[in-house]
Amino acid sequence: PELVTSVTAARKGENDMAVGNVIGSNIFNVLG
């Protein structure tokens, strides 16, 4: 899900969303 979401965002030029999805997911994975 993260791969599809971030790559789709990057292709549309939404790089903030792409990197935010990765970092946010990593935080949630460890802490949550």
PDB file of all heavy atoms in Angstrom:
ATOM      1  N   PRO A   1       0.818  -1.221   0.000  1.00  0.00           N
ATOM      2  CA  PRO A   1       0.000   0.000   0.000  1.00  0.00           C
ATOM      3  C   PRO A   1       0.851   1.271   0.000  1.00  0.00           C
ATOM      4  O   PRO A   1       0.543   2.239  -0.706  1.00  0.00           O
ATOM      5  CB  PRO A   1      -0.822  -0.119   1.295  1.00  0.00           C
ATOM      6  CG  PRO A   1      -0.894  -1.581   1.548  1.00  0.00           C
ATOM      7  CD  PRO A   1       0.428  -2.126   1.110  1.00  0.00           C
ATOM      8  N   GLU A   2       1.918   1.294   0.824  1.00  0.00           N
ATOM      9  CA  GLU A   2       2.797   2.465   0.861  1.00  0.00           C
ATOM     10  C   GLU A   2       3.495   2.669  -0.484  1.00  0.00           C
ATOM     11  O   GLU A   2       3.637   3.796  -0.954  1.00  0.00           O
ATOM     12  CB  GLU A   2       3.854   2.314   1.966  1.00  0.00           C
ATOM     13  CG  GLU A   2       3.333   2.506   3.381  1.00  0.00           C
ATOM     14  CD  GLU A   2       2.818   1.208   3.981  1.00  0.00           C
ATOM     15  OE1 GLU A   2       2.617   0.231   3.229  1.00  0.00           O
ATOM     16  OE2 GLU A   2       2.612   1.172   5.206  1.00  0.00           O
ATOM     17  N   LEU A   3       3.936   1.553  -1.100  1.00  0.00           N
ATOM     18  CA  LEU A   3       4.628   1.647  -2.388  1.00  0.00           C
ATOM     19  C   LEU A   3       3.706   2.239  -3.453  1.00  0.00           C
ATOM     20  O   LEU A   3       4.071   3.181  -4.164  1.00  0.00           O
ATOM     21  CB  LEU A   3       5.119   0.264  -2.824  1.00  0.00           C
ATOM     22  CG  LEU A   3       5.822   0.194  -4.188  1.00  0.00           C
ATOM     23  CD1 LEU A   3       7.078   1.051  -4.194  1.00  0.00           C
ATOM     24  CD2 LEU A   3       6.154  -1.251  -4.542  1.00  0.00           C
ATOM     25  N   VAL A   4       2.492   1.686  -3.565  1.00  0.00           N
ATOM     26  CA  VAL A   4       1.545   2.161  -4.579  1.00  0.00           C
ATOM     27  C   VAL A   4       1.163   3.617  -4.326  1.00  0.00           C
ATOM     28  O   VAL A   4       1.159   4.448  -5.241  1.00  0.00           O
ATOM     29  CB  VAL A   4       0.280   1.267  -4.593  1.00  0.00           C
ATOM     30  CG1 VAL A   4      -0.776   1.858  -5.529  1.00  0.00           C
ATOM     31  CG2 VAL A   4       0.635  -0.143  -5.033  1.00  0.00           C
ATOM     32  N   THR A   5       0.847   3.938  -3.060  1.00  0.00           N
ATOM     33  CA  THR A   5       0.426   5.304  -2.714  1.00  0.00           C
ATOM     34  C   THR A   5       1.521   6.317  -2.997  1.00  0.00           C
ATOM     35  O   THR A   5       1.279   7.367  -3.604  1.00  0.00           O
ATOM     36  CB  THR A   5       0.037   5.381  -1.223  1.00  0.00           C
ATOM     37  OG1 THR A   5      -1.021   4.454  -0.963  1.00  0.00           O
ATOM     38  CG2 THR A   5      -0.440   6.776  -0.857  1.00  0.00           C
ATOM     39  N   SER A   6       2.743   6.029  -2.568  1.00  0.00           N
ATOM     40  CA  SER A   6       3.836   6.981  -2.714  1.00  0.00           C
ATOM     41  C   SER A   6       4.286   7.132  -4.168  1.00  0.00           C
ATOM     42  O   SER A   6       4.551   8.249  -4.618  1.00  0.00           O
ATOM     43  CB  SER A   6       5.030   6.558  -1.840  1.00  0.00           C
ATOM     44  OG  SER A   6       4.710   6.683  -0.475  1.00  0.00           O
ATOM     45  N   VAL A   7       4.368   6.024  -4.900  1.00  0.00           N
ATOM     46  CA  VAL A   7       4.789   6.101  -6.306  1.00  0.00           C
ATOM     47  C   VAL A   7       3.750   6.865  -7.123  1.00  0.00           C
ATOM     48  O   VAL A   7       4.100   7.686  -7.980  1.00  0.00           O
ATOM     49  CB  VAL A   7       5.020   4.692  -6.891  1.00  0.00           C
ATOM     50  CG1 VAL A   7       5.188   4.757  -8.406  1.00  0.00           C
ATOM     51  CG2 VAL A   7       6.249   4.051  -6.252  1.00  0.00           C
ATOM     52  N   THR A   8       2.470   6.608  -6.843  1.00  0.00           N
ATOM     53  CA  THR A   8       1.410   7.345  -7.541  1.00  0.00           C
ATOM     54  C   THR A   8       1.513   8.834  -7.252  1.00  0.00           C
ATOM     55  O   THR A   8       1.390   9.671  -8.159  1.00  0.00           O
ATOM     56  CB  THR A   8       0.020   6.826  -7.109  1.00  0.00           C
ATOM     57  OG1 THR A   8      -0.077   5.429  -7.416  1.00  0.00           O
ATOM     58  CG2 THR A   8      -1.086   7.583  -7.840  1.00  0.00           C
ATOM     59  N   ALA A   9       1.761   9.176  -5.991  1.00  0.00           N
ATOM     60  CA  ALA A   9       1.903  10.580  -5.606  1.00  0.00           C
ATOM     61  C   ALA A   9       3.116  11.213  -6.283  1.00  0.00           C
ATOM     62  O   ALA A   9       3.057  12.347  -6.774  1.00  0.00           O
ATOM     63  CB  ALA A   9       2.029  10.697  -4.087  1.00  0.00           C
ATOM     64  N   ALA A  10       4.233  10.470  -6.335  1.00  0.00           N
ATOM     65  CA  ALA A  10       5.452  10.995  -6.950  1.00  0.00           C
ATOM     66  C   ALA A  10       5.251  11.247  -8.446  1.00  0.00           C
ATOM     67  O   ALA A  10       5.713  12.253  -8.988  1.00  0.00           O
ATOM     68  CB  ALA A  10       6.608  10.020  -6.735  1.00  0.00           C
ATOM     69  N   ARG A  11       4.554  10.336  -9.115  1.00  0.00           N
ATOM     70  CA  ARG A  11       4.306  10.493 -10.553  1.00  0.00           C
ATOM     71  C   ARG A  11       3.439  11.718 -10.837  1.00  0.00           C
ATOM     72  O   ARG A  11       3.517  12.318 -11.910  1.00  0.00           O
ATOM     73  CB  ARG A  11       3.638   9.235 -11.112  1.00  0.00           C
ATOM     74  CG  ARG A  11       4.559   8.014 -11.132  1.00  0.00           C
ATOM     75  CD  ARG A  11       3.866   6.818 -11.722  1.00  0.00           C
ATOM     76  NE  ARG A  11       3.511   7.046 -13.125  1.00  0.00           N
ATOM     77  CZ  ARG A  11       2.818   6.179 -13.851  1.00  0.00           C
ATOM     78  NH1 ARG A  11       2.403   5.036 -13.311  1.00  0.00           N
ATOM     79  NH2 ARG A  11       2.541   6.434 -15.104  1.00  0.00           N
ATOM     80  N   LYS A  12       2.597  12.080  -9.872  1.00  0.00           N
ATOM     81  CA  LYS A  12       1.731  13.252 -10.037  1.00  0.00           C
ATOM     82  C   LYS A  12       2.400  14.533  -9.545  1.00  0.00           C
ATOM     83  O   LYS A  12       1.799  15.597  -9.544  1.00  0.00           O
ATOM     84  CB  LYS A  12       0.420  13.036  -9.283  1.00  0.00           C
ATOM     85  CG  LYS A  12      -0.454  11.929  -9.874  1.00  0.00           C
ATOM     86  CD  LYS A  12      -1.740  11.766  -9.087  1.00  0.00           C
ATOM     87  CE  LYS A  12      -2.628  10.685  -9.699  1.00  0.00           C
ATOM     88  NZ  LYS A  12      -3.887  10.503  -8.915  1.00  0.00           N
ATOM     89  N   GLY A  13       3.667  14.399  -9.093  1.00  0.00           N
ATOM     90  CA  GLY A  13       4.388  15.570  -8.601  1.00  0.00           C
ATOM     91  C   GLY A  13       4.107  15.906  -7.152  1.00  0.00           C
ATOM     92  O   GLY A  13       4.565  16.933  -6.644  1.00  0.00           O
ATOM     93  N   GLU A  14       3.345  15.039  -6.458  1.00  0.00           N
ATOM     94  CA  GLU A  14       3.024  15.276  -5.049  1.00  0.00           C
ATOM     95  C   GLU A  14       4.095  14.635  -4.162  1.00  0.00           C
ATOM     96  O   GLU A  14       3.830  13.697  -3.414  1.00  0.00           O
ATOM     97  CB  GLU A  14       1.645  14.692  -4.723  1.00  0.00           C
ATOM     98  CG  GLU A  14       0.501  15.302  -5.499  1.00  0.00           C
ATOM     99  CD  GLU A  14       0.148  16.693  -5.012  1.00  0.00           C
ATOM    100  OE1 GLU A  14       0.644  17.087  -3.939  1.00  0.00           O
ATOM    101  OE2 GLU A  14      -0.601  17.388  -5.703  1.00  0.00           O
ATOM    102  N   ASN A  15       5.309  15.169  -4.230  1.00  0.00           N
ATOM    103  CA  ASN A  15       6.414  14.559  -3.502  1.00  0.00           C
ATOM    104  C   ASN A  15       6.281  14.676  -1.988  1.00  0.00           C
ATOM    105  O   ASN A  15       6.745  13.807  -1.244  1.00  0.00           O
ATOM    106  CB  ASN A  15       7.747  15.170  -3.952  1.00  0.00           C
ATOM    107  CG  ASN A  15       8.224  14.589  -5.275  1.00  0.00           C
ATOM    108  OD1 ASN A  15       7.913  13.447  -5.601  1.00  0.00           O
ATOM    109  ND2 ASN A  15       8.947  15.372  -6.049  1.00  0.00           N
ATOM    110  N   ASP A  16       5.663  15.757  -1.525  1.00  0.00           N
ATOM    111  CA  ASP A  16       5.458  15.913  -0.086  1.00  0.00           C
ATOM    112  C   ASP A  16       4.593  14.780   0.455  1.00  0.00           C
ATOM    113  O   ASP A  16       4.840  14.247   1.540  1.00  0.00           O
ATOM    114  CB  ASP A  16       4.800  17.267   0.227  1.00  0.00           C
ATOM    115  CG  ASP A  16       5.789  18.415   0.127  1.00  0.00           C
ATOM    116  OD1 ASP A  16       7.007  18.143   0.003  1.00  0.00           O
ATOM    117  OD2 ASP A  16       5.360  19.586   0.158  1.00  0.00           O
ATOM    118  N   MET A  17       3.556  14.437  -0.316  1.00  0.00           N
ATOM    119  CA  MET A  17       2.677  13.347   0.092  1.00  0.00           C
ATOM    120  C   MET A  17       3.429  12.019   0.076  1.00  0.00           C
ATOM    121  O   MET A  17       3.264  11.180   0.963  1.00  0.00           O
ATOM    122  CB  MET A  17       1.462  13.263  -0.831  1.00  0.00           C
ATOM    123  CG  MET A  17       0.465  12.183  -0.443  1.00  0.00           C
ATOM    124  SD  MET A  17      -0.927  12.077  -1.600  1.00  0.00           S
ATOM    125  CE  MET A  17      -1.694  13.674  -1.305  1.00  0.00           C
ATOM    126  N   ALA A  18       4.290  11.853  -0.931  1.00  0.00           N
ATOM    127  CA  ALA A  18       5.040  10.603  -1.066  1.00  0.00           C
ATOM    128  C   ALA A  18       5.967  10.378   0.127  1.00  0.00           C
ATOM    129  O   ALA A  18       5.957   9.311   0.750  1.00  0.00           O
ATOM    130  CB  ALA A  18       5.838  10.620  -2.362  1.00  0.00           C
ATOM    131  N   VAL A  19       6.771  11.392   0.453  1.00  0.00           N
ATOM    132  CA  VAL A  19       7.714  11.241   1.563  1.00  0.00           C
ATOM    133  C   VAL A  19       6.987  11.245   2.898  1.00  0.00           C
ATOM    134  O   VAL A  19       7.366  10.524   3.834  1.00  0.00           O
ATOM    135  CB  VAL A  19       8.797  12.343   1.519  1.00  0.00           C
ATOM    136  CG1 VAL A  19       8.223  13.706   1.877  1.00  0.00           C
ATOM    137  CG2 VAL A  19       9.955  12.000   2.448  1.00  0.00           C
ATOM    138  N   GLY A  20       5.901  12.017   3.000  1.00  0.00           N
ATOM    139  CA  GLY A  20       5.127  12.038   4.244  1.00  0.00           C
ATOM    140  C   GLY A  20       4.506  10.694   4.540  1.00  0.00           C
ATOM    141  O   GLY A  20       4.455  10.256   5.695  1.00  0.00           O
ATOM    142  N   ASN A  21       4.042   9.995   3.494  1.00  0.00           N
ATOM    143  CA  ASN A  21       3.460   8.673   3.656  1.00  0.00           C
ATOM    144  C   ASN A  21       4.490   7.678   4.180  1.00  0.00           C
ATOM    145  O   ASN A  21       4.211   6.869   5.064  1.00  0.00           O
ATOM    146  CB  ASN A  21       2.895   8.195   2.312  1.00  0.00           C
ATOM    147  CG  ASN A  21       2.272   6.820   2.396  1.00  0.00           C
ATOM    148  OD1 ASN A  21       1.487   6.536   3.283  1.00  0.00           O
ATOM    149  ND2 ASN A  21       2.630   5.951   1.469  1.00  0.00           N
ATOM    150  N   VAL A  22       5.718   7.750   3.651  1.00  0.00           N
ATOM    151  CA  VAL A  22       6.786   6.844   4.069  1.00  0.00           C
ATOM    152  C   VAL A  22       7.180   7.088   5.525  1.00  0.00           C
ATOM    153  O   VAL A  22       7.221   6.157   6.343  1.00  0.00           O
ATOM    154  CB  VAL A  22       8.023   6.996   3.162  1.00  0.00           C
ATOM    155  CG1 VAL A  22       9.229   6.273   3.765  1.00  0.00           C
ATOM    156  CG2 VAL A  22       7.732   6.443   1.775  1.00  0.00           C
ATOM    157  N   ILE A  23       7.473   8.337   5.858  1.00  0.00           N
ATOM    158  CA  ILE A  23       7.927   8.658   7.214  1.00  0.00           C
ATOM    159  C   ILE A  23       6.813   8.430   8.229  1.00  0.00           C
ATOM    160  O   ILE A  23       7.048   7.871   9.314  1.00  0.00           O
ATOM    161  CB  ILE A  23       8.425  10.126   7.290  1.00  0.00           C
ATOM    162  CG1 ILE A  23       9.560  10.353   6.281  1.00  0.00           C
ATOM    163  CG2 ILE A  23       8.892  10.454   8.701  1.00  0.00           C
ATOM    164  CD1 ILE A  23      10.719   9.408   6.416  1.00  0.00           C
ATOM    165  N   GLY A  24       5.586   8.841   7.880  1.00  0.00           N
ATOM    166  CA  GLY A  24       4.464   8.633   8.791  1.00  0.00           C
ATOM    167  C   GLY A  24       4.206   7.161   9.046  1.00  0.00           C
ATOM    168  O   GLY A  24       3.940   6.746  10.180  1.00  0.00           O
ATOM    169  N   SER A  25       4.297   6.356   7.994  1.00  0.00           N
ATOM    170  CA  SER A  25       4.095   4.914   8.136  1.00  0.00           C
ATOM    171  C   SER A  25       5.175   4.289   9.012  1.00  0.00           C
ATOM    172  O   SER A  25       4.887   3.432   9.863  1.00  0.00           O
ATOM    173  CB  SER A  25       4.097   4.253   6.749  1.00  0.00           C
ATOM    174  OG  SER A  25       3.964   2.856   6.866  1.00  0.00           O
ATOM    175  N   ASN A  26       6.436   4.727   8.836  1.00  0.00           N
ATOM    176  CA  ASN A  26       7.531   4.184   9.642  1.00  0.00           C
ATOM    177  C   ASN A  26       7.365   4.525  11.120  1.00  0.00           C
ATOM    178  O   ASN A  26       7.662   3.705  11.993  1.00  0.00           O
ATOM    179  CB  ASN A  26       8.875   4.704   9.125  1.00  0.00           C
ATOM    180  CG  ASN A  26       9.343   3.945   7.894  1.00  0.00           C
ATOM    181  OD1 ASN A  26       8.592   3.185   7.306  1.00  0.00           O
ATOM    182  ND2 ASN A  26      10.583   4.160   7.488  1.00  0.00           N
ATOM    183  N   ILE A  27       6.889   5.741  11.398  1.00  0.00           N
ATOM    184  CA  ILE A  27       6.644   6.131  12.790  1.00  0.00           C
ATOM    185  C   ILE A  27       5.542   5.265  13.388  1.00  0.00           C
ATOM    186  O   ILE A  27       5.665   4.737  14.506  1.00  0.00           O
ATOM    187  CB  ILE A  27       6.261   7.624  12.879  1.00  0.00           C
ATOM    188  CG1 ILE A  27       7.468   8.500  12.521  1.00  0.00           C
ATOM    189  CG2 ILE A  27       5.756   7.974  14.284  1.00  0.00           C
ATOM    190  CD1 ILE A  27       7.141   9.978  12.411  1.00  0.00           C
ATOM    191  N   PHE A  28       4.450   5.103  12.636  1.00  0.00           N
ATOM    192  CA  PHE A  28       3.327   4.300  13.123  1.00  0.00           C
ATOM    193  C   PHE A  28       3.732   2.841  13.315  1.00  0.00           C
ATOM    194  O   PHE A  28       3.316   2.188  14.280  1.00  0.00           O
ATOM    195  CB  PHE A  28       2.149   4.394  12.154  1.00  0.00           C
ATOM    196  CG  PHE A  28       0.912   3.689  12.636  1.00  0.00           C
ATOM    197  CD1 PHE A  28       0.029   4.317  13.500  1.00  0.00           C
ATOM    198  CD2 PHE A  28       0.641   2.380  12.248  1.00  0.00           C
ATOM    199  CE1 PHE A  28      -1.100   3.653  13.967  1.00  0.00           C
ATOM    200  CE2 PHE A  28      -0.488   1.713  12.704  1.00  0.00           C
ATOM    201  CZ  PHE A  28      -1.367   2.355  13.563  1.00  0.00           C
ATOM    202  N   ASN A  29       4.546   2.315  12.401  1.00  0.00           N
ATOM    203  CA  ASN A  29       4.972   0.915  12.501  1.00  0.00           C
ATOM    204  C   ASN A  29       5.719   0.638  13.802  1.00  0.00           C
ATOM    205  O   ASN A  29       5.447  -0.344  14.495  1.00  0.00           O
ATOM    206  CB  ASN A  29       5.867   0.546  11.313  1.00  0.00           C
ATOM    207  CG  ASN A  29       5.091   0.386  10.019  1.00  0.00           C
ATOM    208  OD1 ASN A  29       3.865   0.363  10.017  1.00  0.00           O
ATOM    209  ND2 ASN A  29       5.807   0.286   8.921  1.00  0.00           N
ATOM    210  N   VAL A  30       6.683   1.508  14.127  1.00  0.00           N
ATOM    211  CA  VAL A  30       7.498   1.279  15.329  1.00  0.00           C
ATOM    212  C   VAL A  30       6.709   1.573  16.602  1.00  0.00           C
ATOM    213  O   VAL A  30       6.627   0.740  17.507  1.00  0.00           O
ATOM    214  CB  VAL A  30       8.786   2.135  15.295  1.00  0.00           C
ATOM    215  CG1 VAL A  30       9.536   2.019  16.612  1.00  0.00           C
ATOM    216  CG2 VAL A  30       9.681   1.697  14.139  1.00  0.00           C
ATOM    217  N   LEU A  31       6.136   2.772  16.679  1.00  0.00           N
ATOM    218  CA  LEU A  31       5.459   3.180  17.912  1.00  0.00           C
ATOM    219  C   LEU A  31       4.117   2.476  18.106  1.00  0.00           C
ATOM    220  O   LEU A  31       3.793   2.044  19.219  1.00  0.00           O
ATOM    221  CB  LEU A  31       5.242   4.695  17.913  1.00  0.00           C
ATOM    222  CG  LEU A  31       6.505   5.564  17.874  1.00  0.00           C
ATOM    223  CD1 LEU A  31       6.135   7.045  17.914  1.00  0.00           C
ATOM    224  CD2 LEU A  31       7.448   5.217  19.026  1.00  0.00           C
ATOM    225  N   GLY A  32       3.343   2.360  17.035  1.00  0.00           N
ATOM    226  CA  GLY A  32       2.007   1.785  17.156  1.00  0.00           C
ATOM    227  C   GLY A  32       1.976   0.272  17.095  1.00  0.00           C
ATOM    228  O   GLY A  32       1.461  -0.387  17.999  1.00  0.00           O
TER     229      GLY A  32
END
